Amino acid sequence: MKMESGITVHLELSTYILEYQPRWLVAGDKGTMIVKNFACDGSIYRTGKLLEKLPPKITETEAGPTRQFAPVPPGGIITEDLPKIESAWIDFYRNVDAVLNGRAESKIKICRCKPY
């Protein structure tokens, strides 16, 4: 999906996966987040200072936009723990229902975070 803001979203949903995959894989232009399971084990991967100086080279392909880097030197990627969030899963689904039915705004916002 290509959003009005220019953000591209690729979503896959299946209940029949024969090889284990991460529960969530979120990839952005400043990093990647992997959530391995319902226990929310996983990490956030961001580019370090070394890679900030590289201009992003994004190429449009039939499959969507892509960006390639040469092999990443040591220290080029920073790994962080996922933040701990105190919430019940049902709250997420209640918000999705309310958003889809025009009763609320989404609690999930696109972050325009600054890189390290």
Protein backbone atom coordinates (compact mmCIF):
# COMPACT_ATOMS: atom_id res chain seq x y z
CA MET A 1 0.00 0.00 0.00
CA LYS A 2 1.26 3.47 -0.80
CA MET A 3 -0.09 6.01 1.71
CA GLU A 4 -0.90 9.64 0.87
CA SER A 5 2.14 10.67 2.95
CA GLY A 6 4.39 8.63 0.64
CA ILE A 7 4.95 5.85 3.18
CA THR A 8 4.85 2.37 1.67
CA VAL A 9 3.25 -0.41 3.72
CA HIS A 10 3.74 -4.10 2.96
CA LEU A 11 1.47 -6.31 5.07
CA GLU A 12 1.33 -10.10 5.07
CA LEU A 13 -1.22 -11.96 7.17
CA SER A 14 -1.55 -15.72 7.42
CA THR A 15 -2.57 -18.36 9.90
CA TYR A 16 -0.86 -21.13 7.93
CA ILE A 17 2.89 -20.60 8.13
CA LEU A 18 4.87 -23.84 8.19
CA GLU A 19 8.20 -22.28 9.17
CA TYR A 20 8.42 -20.00 12.21
CA GLN A 21 8.84 -16.32 11.37
CA PRO A 22 9.00 -13.28 13.66
CA ARG A 23 5.61 -12.29 15.04
CA TRP A 24 6.20 -8.74 13.77
CA LEU A 25 8.85 -7.34 11.46
CA VAL A 26 8.72 -3.58 11.07
CA ALA A 27 11.18 -1.95 8.67
CA GLY A 28 11.57 1.79 8.31
CA ASP A 29 14.03 4.20 6.78
CA LYS A 30 15.85 4.62 10.12
CA GLY A 31 15.84 1.05 11.38
CA THR A 32 14.15 -2.31 11.87
CA MET A 33 12.14 -3.81 14.74
CA ILE A 34 11.70 -7.55 15.22
CA VAL A 35 9.21 -9.00 17.70
CA LYS A 36 9.82 -12.74 17.88
CA ASN A 37 6.75 -13.95 19.78
CA PHE A 38 3.71 -13.07 21.90
CA ALA A 39 6.06 -12.55 24.89
CA CYS A 40 7.46 -9.57 22.92
CA ASP A 41 11.03 -10.85 22.82
CA GLY A 42 12.94 -8.97 20.18
CA SER A 43 15.11 -5.98 19.34
CA ILE A 44 15.33 -2.68 17.51
CA TYR A 45 18.17 -2.19 15.03
CA ARG A 46 19.21 1.34 14.03
CA THR A 47 22.00 2.78 11.96
CA GLY A 48 24.87 4.24 13.95
CA LYS A 49 26.62 7.57 13.44
CA LEU A 50 28.89 6.03 10.84
CA LEU A 51 26.01 5.34 8.46
CA GLU A 52 24.25 8.68 8.99
CA LYS A 53 26.61 10.32 6.52
CA LEU A 54 25.61 7.98 3.71
CA PRO A 55 22.91 9.54 1.54
CA PRO A 56 19.90 7.27 1.19
CA LYS A 57 19.69 5.91 -2.32
CA ILE A 58 16.15 4.70 -2.82
CA THR A 59 15.28 3.02 -6.10
CA GLU A 60 11.72 2.35 -7.22
CA THR A 61 11.26 -1.21 -8.50
CA GLU A 62 8.21 -3.23 -9.55
CA ALA A 63 8.17 -4.70 -6.03
CA GLY A 64 8.30 -1.23 -4.42
CA PRO A 65 11.03 1.08 -3.15
CA THR A 66 14.37 -0.42 -2.13
CA ARG A 67 17.59 0.90 -0.60
CA GLN A 68 20.90 -0.91 -0.67
CA PHE A 69 24.06 -0.51 1.34
CA ALA A 70 27.52 -1.97 0.98
CA PRO A 71 28.59 -4.36 3.78
CA VAL A 72 28.07 -2.58 7.10
CA PRO A 73 31.32 -1.90 8.99
CA PRO A 74 31.65 -2.74 12.73
CA GLY A 75 29.67 -0.26 14.83
CA GLY A 76 27.43 0.62 11.90
CA ILE A 77 24.32 -0.93 13.46
CA ILE A 78 23.10 -0.32 17.02
CA THR A 79 20.92 -2.97 18.69
CA GLU A 80 18.44 -1.97 21.42
CA ASP A 81 15.97 -3.89 23.56
CA LEU A 82 12.29 -3.40 22.80
CA PRO A 83 10.65 -0.91 25.16
CA LYS A 84 8.55 -2.42 27.94
CA ILE A 85 4.91 -1.44 27.54
CA GLU A 86 2.27 -2.07 30.18
CA SER A 87 -0.99 -2.70 28.36
CA ALA A 88 -3.54 -5.38 27.70
CA TRP A 89 -3.72 -6.69 24.11
CA ILE A 90 -7.48 -6.17 24.15
CA ASP A 91 -6.90 -2.39 24.38
CA PHE A 92 -5.19 -2.47 20.97
CA TYR A 93 -8.09 -4.31 19.34
CA ARG A 94 -10.67 -2.05 21.00
CA ASN A 95 -8.84 0.94 19.51
CA VAL A 96 -8.72 -0.68 16.05
CA ASP A 97 -12.48 -1.31 16.25
CA ALA A 98 -13.14 2.27 17.35
CA VAL A 99 -10.94 3.69 14.56
CA LEU A 100 -12.58 1.54 11.88
CA ASN A 101 -16.00 2.63 13.10
CA GLY A 102 -15.13 6.33 13.32
CA ARG A 103 -15.30 6.60 17.12
CA ALA A 104 -11.62 7.29 17.88
CA GLU A 105 -8.21 8.17 16.47
CA SER A 106 -5.55 5.48 16.20
CA LYS A 107 -3.27 5.23 19.21
CA ILE A 108 -0.50 4.07 16.87
CA LYS A 109 1.24 7.05 15.31
CA ILE A 110 3.97 7.23 12.69
CA CYS A 111 7.12 8.36 14.51
CA ARG A 112 9.28 10.96 12.85
CA CYS A 113 12.18 10.10 15.15
CA LYS A 114 15.63 11.55 14.68
CA PRO A 115 18.40 8.95 14.20
CA TYR A 116 21.18 8.71 16.76
